[in-house]
């Protein structure tokens, strides 16, 4: 099982969840997988398919450089965590939209944008640019902090 080592960890402190998200990102997960998995583990809502669900959202959704994967992972987690507050589908949808808007506002205030290529300064949709960014350590240096930011913002909404 590729992801089995990540399924039993429970984090007590928000900083531990941020650290775990960064560790996931620095090992094998993409930004969306890292954020979603760490948040769901922290809140004891993890399910084994979570990393697979988030896989296509990395690199600004399929390496398109659009919405940051850390943002996408956070929004997926918000949807799961909001279900703890209401099980009514309409209420859940409304709450999820409200919490997502709050998350996006806070992320933009902190980082200026939610667009992957603007956040990292490279067009990840271009294979050469992506290779250059990797060579320069941009993903480890920039994206790992974006992952931590996304986890921190969501945990502040779900203490």
C-alpha atoms as a PDB file:
ATOM      1  CA  UNK A   1       0.000   0.000   0.000  1.00  0.00           C
ATOM      2  CA  UNK A   2       1.584   3.235  -1.139  1.00  0.00           C
ATOM      3  CA  UNK A   3      -0.260   5.461   1.337  1.00  0.00           C
ATOM      4  CA  UNK A   4      -0.745   3.089   4.258  1.00  0.00           C
ATOM      5  CA  UNK A   5       1.925   4.709   6.424  1.00  0.00           C
ATOM      6  CA  UNK A   6      -0.049   7.943   6.450  1.00  0.00           C
ATOM      7  CA  UNK A   7      -3.402   6.628   7.650  1.00  0.00           C
ATOM      8  CA  UNK A   8      -2.923   6.142  11.376  1.00  0.00           C
ATOM      9  CA  UNK A   9      -1.247   9.377  12.442  1.00  0.00           C
ATOM     10  CA  UNK A  10      -3.234  11.809  14.592  1.00  0.00           C
ATOM     11  CA  UNK A  11      -1.940  15.304  15.300  1.00  0.00           C
ATOM     12  CA  UNK A  12      -2.673  17.209  18.482  1.00  0.00           C
ATOM     13  CA  UNK A  13      -1.335  20.634  17.572  1.00  0.00           C
ATOM     14  CA  UNK A  14      -1.982  22.772  14.479  1.00  0.00           C
ATOM     15  CA  UNK A  15       1.793  23.111  14.010  1.00  0.00           C
ATOM     16  CA  UNK A  16       2.100  19.329  13.829  1.00  0.00           C
ATOM     17  CA  UNK A  17      -0.487  19.211  11.050  1.00  0.00           C
ATOM     18  CA  UNK A  18       1.385  21.930   9.144  1.00  0.00           C
ATOM     19  CA  UNK A  19       4.636  20.055   9.596  1.00  0.00           C
ATOM     20  CA  UNK A  20       3.038  16.796   8.471  1.00  0.00           C
ATOM     21  CA  UNK A  21       1.596  18.481   5.364  1.00  0.00           C
ATOM     22  CA  UNK A  22       5.045  19.836   4.535  1.00  0.00           C
ATOM     23  CA  UNK A  23       6.593  16.384   5.080  1.00  0.00           C
ATOM     24  CA  UNK A  24       4.038  14.812   2.776  1.00  0.00           C
ATOM     25  CA  UNK A  25       4.799  17.421   0.150  1.00  0.00           C
ATOM     26  CA  UNK A  26       8.555  16.975   0.489  1.00  0.00           C
ATOM     27  CA  UNK A  27       8.292  13.215   0.076  1.00  0.00           C
ATOM     28  CA  UNK A  28       5.695  11.878  -2.324  1.00  0.00           C
ATOM     29  CA  UNK A  29       2.442  13.844  -2.248  1.00  0.00           C
ATOM     30  CA  UNK A  30       1.587  16.862  -4.352  1.00  0.00           C
ATOM     31  CA  UNK A  31       0.343  20.074  -2.723  1.00  0.00           C
ATOM     32  CA  UNK A  32      -3.357  19.169  -2.847  1.00  0.00           C
ATOM     33  CA  UNK A  33      -2.761  15.667  -1.483  1.00  0.00           C
ATOM     34  CA  UNK A  34      -0.571  17.035   1.302  1.00  0.00           C
ATOM     35  CA  UNK A  35      -3.090  19.600   2.498  1.00  0.00           C
ATOM     36  CA  UNK A  36      -6.136  17.360   2.252  1.00  0.00           C
ATOM     37  CA  UNK A  37      -4.460  14.410   3.965  1.00  0.00           C
ATOM     38  CA  UNK A  38      -2.927  16.397   6.827  1.00  0.00           C
ATOM     39  CA  UNK A  39      -6.177  18.245   7.532  1.00  0.00           C
ATOM     40  CA  UNK A  40      -8.346  15.159   7.460  1.00  0.00           C
ATOM     41  CA  UNK A  41      -5.901  13.277   9.658  1.00  0.00           C
ATOM     42  CA  UNK A  42      -5.777  16.143  12.153  1.00  0.00           C
ATOM     43  CA  UNK A  43      -9.574  16.227  12.349  1.00  0.00           C
ATOM     44  CA  UNK A  44      -9.896  12.425  12.389  1.00  0.00           C
ATOM     45  CA  UNK A  45     -11.830  12.390   9.104  1.00  0.00           C
ATOM     46  CA  UNK A  46      -9.159  10.728   6.947  1.00  0.00           C
ATOM     47  CA  UNK A  47     -10.247   8.137   4.419  1.00  0.00           C
ATOM     48  CA  UNK A  48      -7.808   6.038   2.426  1.00  0.00           C
ATOM     49  CA  UNK A  49      -8.901   7.396  -0.958  1.00  0.00           C
ATOM     50  CA  UNK A  50      -8.249  11.039   0.023  1.00  0.00           C
ATOM     51  CA  UNK A  51      -4.782  11.259  -1.575  1.00  0.00           C
ATOM     52  CA  UNK A  52      -6.120   9.683  -4.746  1.00  0.00           C
ATOM     53  CA  UNK A  53      -9.048  12.119  -4.846  1.00  0.00           C
ATOM     54  CA  UNK A  54      -6.648  15.067  -4.624  1.00  0.00           C
ATOM     55  CA  UNK A  55      -3.980  13.763  -7.028  1.00  0.00           C
ATOM     56  CA  UNK A  56      -5.171  15.633 -10.128  1.00  0.00           C
ATOM     57  CA  UNK A  57      -5.299  18.996  -8.370  1.00  0.00           C
ATOM     58  CA  UNK A  58      -1.540  19.430  -7.988  1.00  0.00           C
ATOM     59  CA  UNK A  59       0.380  21.915 -10.096  1.00  0.00           C
ATOM     60  CA  UNK A  60      -2.575  24.218 -10.382  1.00  0.00           C
ATOM     61  CA  UNK A  61      -4.906  21.396 -11.456  1.00  0.00           C
ATOM     62  CA  UNK A  62      -3.123  18.894 -13.652  1.00  0.00           C
ATOM     63  CA  UNK A  63      -0.007  21.069 -14.099  1.00  0.00           C
ATOM     64  CA  UNK A  64      -2.080  23.804 -15.740  1.00  0.00           C
ATOM     65  CA  UNK A  65      -0.834  26.479 -13.334  1.00  0.00           C
ATOM     66  CA  UNK A  66      -4.366  27.528 -12.408  1.00  0.00           C
ATOM     67  CA  UNK A  67      -5.736  27.319  -8.846  1.00  0.00           C
ATOM     68  CA  UNK A  68      -2.955  26.370  -6.427  1.00  0.00           C
ATOM     69  CA  UNK A  69      -3.165  22.734  -5.354  1.00  0.00           C
ATOM     70  CA  UNK A  70      -2.792  23.715  -1.710  1.00  0.00           C
ATOM     71  CA  UNK A  71      -5.915  25.831  -2.147  1.00  0.00           C
ATOM     72  CA  UNK A  72      -7.769  22.990  -3.868  1.00  0.00           C
ATOM     73  CA  UNK A  73      -6.790  20.534  -1.139  1.00  0.00           C
ATOM     74  CA  UNK A  74      -7.945  22.972   1.520  1.00  0.00           C
ATOM     75  CA  UNK A  75     -11.295  23.470  -0.188  1.00  0.00           C
ATOM     76  CA  UNK A  76     -11.821  19.718  -0.435  1.00  0.00           C
ATOM     77  CA  UNK A  77     -11.052  19.439   3.287  1.00  0.00           C
ATOM     78  CA  UNK A  78     -13.463  22.279   4.052  1.00  0.00           C
ATOM     79  CA  UNK A  79     -16.215  20.319   2.327  1.00  0.00           C
ATOM     80  CA  UNK A  80     -15.517  17.222   4.407  1.00  0.00           C
ATOM     81  CA  UNK A  81     -15.133  19.139   7.665  1.00  0.00           C
ATOM     82  CA  UNK A  82     -18.263  21.233   7.098  1.00  0.00           C
ATOM     83  CA  UNK A  83     -20.246  17.978   7.053  1.00  0.00           C
ATOM     84  CA  UNK A  84     -19.488  17.684  10.775  1.00  0.00           C
ATOM     85  CA  UNK A  85     -21.526  20.844  11.327  1.00  0.00           C
ATOM     86  CA  UNK A  86     -24.533  19.909   9.201  1.00  0.00           C
ATOM     87  CA  UNK A  87     -25.658  16.865   7.257  1.00  0.00           C
ATOM     88  CA  UNK A  88     -28.385  18.656   5.313  1.00  0.00           C
ATOM     89  CA  UNK A  89     -27.111  18.914   1.731  1.00  0.00           C
ATOM     90  CA  UNK A  90     -28.403  22.439   1.131  1.00  0.00           C
ATOM     91  CA  UNK A  91     -27.136  23.765   4.458  1.00  0.00           C
ATOM     92  CA  UNK A  92     -23.812  22.000   3.903  1.00  0.00           C
ATOM     93  CA  UNK A  93     -23.419  23.537   0.471  1.00  0.00           C
ATOM     94  CA  UNK A  94     -24.194  27.017   1.808  1.00  0.00           C
ATOM     95  CA  UNK A  95     -21.792  26.589   4.725  1.00  0.00           C
ATOM     96  CA  UNK A  96     -19.080  25.208   2.452  1.00  0.00           C
ATOM     97  CA  UNK A  97     -19.417  28.202   0.102  1.00  0.00           C
ATOM     98  CA  UNK A  98     -19.171  30.595   3.054  1.00  0.00           C
ATOM     99  CA  UNK A  99     -16.140  28.863   4.533  1.00  0.00           C
ATOM    100  CA  UNK A 100     -14.494  28.576   1.116  1.00  0.00           C
ATOM    101  CA  UNK A 101     -14.973  32.308   0.501  1.00  0.00           C
ATOM    102  CA  UNK A 102     -13.422  33.022   3.902  1.00  0.00           C
ATOM    103  CA  UNK A 103     -10.509  30.698   3.161  1.00  0.00           C
ATOM    104  CA  UNK A 104      -9.884  32.272  -0.261  1.00  0.00           C
ATOM    105  CA  UNK A 105      -9.992  35.782   1.197  1.00  0.00           C
ATOM    106  CA  UNK A 106      -7.472  34.894   3.894  1.00  0.00           C
ATOM    107  CA  UNK A 107      -5.184  33.035   1.497  1.00  0.00           C
ATOM    108  CA  UNK A 108      -5.236  35.960  -0.958  1.00  0.00           C
ATOM    109  CA  UNK A 109      -4.553  38.426   1.855  1.00  0.00           C
ATOM    110  CA  UNK A 110      -1.520  36.386   2.842  1.00  0.00           C
ATOM    111  CA  UNK A 111      -0.220  35.446  -0.629  1.00  0.00           C
ATOM    112  CA  UNK A 112      -1.807  37.926  -3.050  1.00  0.00           C
ATOM    113  CA  UNK A 113      -3.317  35.306  -5.350  1.00  0.00           C
ATOM    114  CA  UNK A 114      -4.528  31.718  -5.545  1.00  0.00           C
ATOM    115  CA  UNK A 115      -3.053  31.117  -9.010  1.00  0.00           C
ATOM    116  CA  UNK A 116      -0.241  28.545  -8.988  1.00  0.00           C
ATOM    117  CA  UNK A 117       1.957  30.031 -11.723  1.00  0.00           C
ATOM    118  CA  UNK A 118       1.725  33.482 -10.131  1.00  0.00           C
ATOM    119  CA  UNK A 119       2.588  32.117  -6.693  1.00  0.00           C
ATOM    120  CA  UNK A 120       5.672  30.238  -7.868  1.00  0.00           C
ATOM    121  CA  UNK A 121       6.754  32.425 -10.771  1.00  0.00           C
ATOM    122  CA  UNK A 122       6.878  29.579 -13.281  1.00  0.00           C
ATOM    123  CA  UNK A 123       4.422  28.176 -15.807  1.00  0.00           C
ATOM    124  CA  UNK A 124       4.127  24.601 -14.579  1.00  0.00           C
ATOM    125  CA  UNK A 125       2.144  23.783 -17.705  1.00  0.00           C
ATOM    126  CA  UNK A 126       5.366  24.113 -19.676  1.00  0.00           C
ATOM    127  CA  UNK A 127       7.563  21.044 -19.142  1.00  0.00           C
ATOM    128  CA  UNK A 128      10.803  23.016 -19.501  1.00  0.00           C
ATOM    129  CA  UNK A 129       9.681  25.718 -17.083  1.00  0.00           C
ATOM    130  CA  UNK A 130       8.516  23.068 -14.627  1.00  0.00           C
ATOM    131  CA  UNK A 131      11.900  21.323 -14.864  1.00  0.00           C
ATOM    132  CA  UNK A 132      13.676  24.634 -14.299  1.00  0.00           C
ATOM    133  CA  UNK A 133      11.501  25.371 -11.267  1.00  0.00           C
ATOM    134  CA  UNK A 134      12.282  21.929  -9.884  1.00  0.00           C
ATOM    135  CA  UNK A 135      16.007  22.384 -10.522  1.00  0.00           C
ATOM    136  CA  UNK A 136      15.923  25.714  -8.660  1.00  0.00           C
ATOM    137  CA  UNK A 137      14.072  24.142  -5.722  1.00  0.00           C
ATOM    138  CA  UNK A 138      11.009  26.360  -6.175  1.00  0.00           C
ATOM    139  CA  UNK A 139       8.532  23.649  -5.234  1.00  0.00           C
ATOM    140  CA  UNK A 140      10.341  22.779  -2.006  1.00  0.00           C
ATOM    141  CA  UNK A 141      10.991  26.411  -1.117  1.00  0.00           C
ATOM    142  CA  UNK A 142       7.726  28.092  -2.157  1.00  0.00           C
ATOM    143  CA  UNK A 143       5.070  25.403  -2.353  1.00  0.00           C
ATOM    144  CA  UNK A 144       5.902  23.803   0.974  1.00  0.00           C
ATOM    145  CA  UNK A 145       5.097  27.156   2.619  1.00  0.00           C
ATOM    146  CA  UNK A 146       1.850  27.443   0.660  1.00  0.00           C
ATOM    147  CA  UNK A 147       0.884  23.996   1.937  1.00  0.00           C
ATOM    148  CA  UNK A 148       1.525  25.111   5.518  1.00  0.00           C
ATOM    149  CA  UNK A 149      -0.426  28.342   4.981  1.00  0.00           C
ATOM    150  CA  UNK A 150      -3.454  26.479   3.636  1.00  0.00           C
ATOM    151  CA  UNK A 151      -3.458  24.035   6.553  1.00  0.00           C
ATOM    152  CA  UNK A 152      -3.142  26.865   9.071  1.00  0.00           C
ATOM    153  CA  UNK A 153      -6.027  28.852   7.616  1.00  0.00           C
ATOM    154  CA  UNK A 154      -8.364  25.851   7.588  1.00  0.00           C
ATOM    155  CA  UNK A 155      -7.438  24.817  11.118  1.00  0.00           C
ATOM    156  CA  UNK A 156      -8.242  28.316  12.346  1.00  0.00           C
ATOM    157  CA  UNK A 157     -11.741  27.838  10.895  1.00  0.00           C
ATOM    158  CA  UNK A 158     -12.111  24.377  12.450  1.00  0.00           C
ATOM    159  CA  UNK A 159     -10.422  24.615  15.864  1.00  0.00           C
END
